[in-house]
């Protein structure tokens, strides 16, 4: 009965002219393509092989494809299905690169796409070839069904997302903006959370923190190690690092994070719900933040601009007191953070004239306003998650960084979506960027269905 109910909702939610695919056949085809994509070693700097596969697949169904590249080894794909032009285009995007691997730590070879126990194993199964597969399959289904569209649907397979945006999104924005300009974009960073075999809720990424970096540089007097000095730069640096790492920066909600914590309280255990609600109580909030800092660093990071000391340099010989030592800080700023004012707060917290805070200004992603929570696209995504998974949707502020930052800065309303992920998999070592990576076969099939419905709802012709 539940399957019949979901099927009825699915039909009701689709625009006129959209036909329900034969999912059995689509699933078989999707798995073939997915395994082929995962089997391509597209570690950073080697994305063109994926671009060639995607190009060949789309062109086989008569879809016109552009392969564009700043670097011949790192090609991007742009394809477009034309609508009637009554609305601005929809962009659907996945990235083709994956992070590098240590093959010795993998149970199954990292580029084997091994199917075992209901999972597919391999680098990129979660990040991000599941999204790339879902977007590609959606283009194929729209083309085959001759789906009437109010919007052009633009497909992008982008290179360089994993730490080298120059040949990917920056190149596309700077050199091919007219080819990808859109009102809405669906890309990575959200998804459905599964626990004990049950889907709990879905996340839509609507904003993200801004990566910033700074160095703490401590200076003192050099000397002989046998004669310890109170001015030792290493000692002053160590104290500054400890102080700034223990600091609880001012908490501030935005529309996304306020909604996130309110909704999380609604889907959590009574104990967790009380904790999330406590964040909105000035008396209880400090204790809750301390708990989250210890037990839930992702949620804790959403509450404020965060600081993580990740690199320390100092000294060159055991018996020499160095005159300088430095630490590099990974700072993730709230979208509307006045970063100069925040640096001033950090200086006051450190309160040591021998330690200088030096902001880094290179390789920064642009800041922008969060995407709207009441747009047609957000509501369509929310409905698709409800219909496919039977769960509520919660907006998310990503604590990491995505290439949607460059699109939001150009005025595109961007929404991060994703496949169903088992919450227990990350701690077990099967998450994105881990020494193992895997996705449930059922999650892959549902993700294709979700994408097809969401795109139809956003771009399909309405009568």
Foldseek 3Di string as FASTA:
>chain_A
DLVVVLVVLLVVLFFPLDDDDPLVVLLVVLLVVLLVLLLDQQAAQAQVVVVVVLCVVLVVLPWDKDWDWPDNRWIKIKTKDAAPQQFWAEEEEAESHFHDADQVLEPDGQSRLDDDPQKGWHTCQFRPSLSVSLLSSLSSSCSVSVFHWNYMYMYMHFHDFPPRCVTTLVCCVVPPVVRRPGQEYEYADWEWEAEPRATQATEKAFAAFWKWKKKKKFFFDKDWQVDDDPSQRVVLQVLLQVQQQPDQDAFDDDPQLVQQLCVCLVRDDVVSVVLSVLCVPPVRNVVSLVVCVVPPVFNNCNGFWHKDFDDKDDDDDDGMRTRMIMTMITITGDLPDPVVVVVVVSCVSSVDPRIDMGIDDPPIQDGADTADCPDQLNVLLQSLCCSLRVHGYGYDHHHDDGSCSNVRVVVHRYIHYGWYDYPVCVVVQQPGPGNMHMDRSVRSSSSSSSSSRSCSSVIGDHD
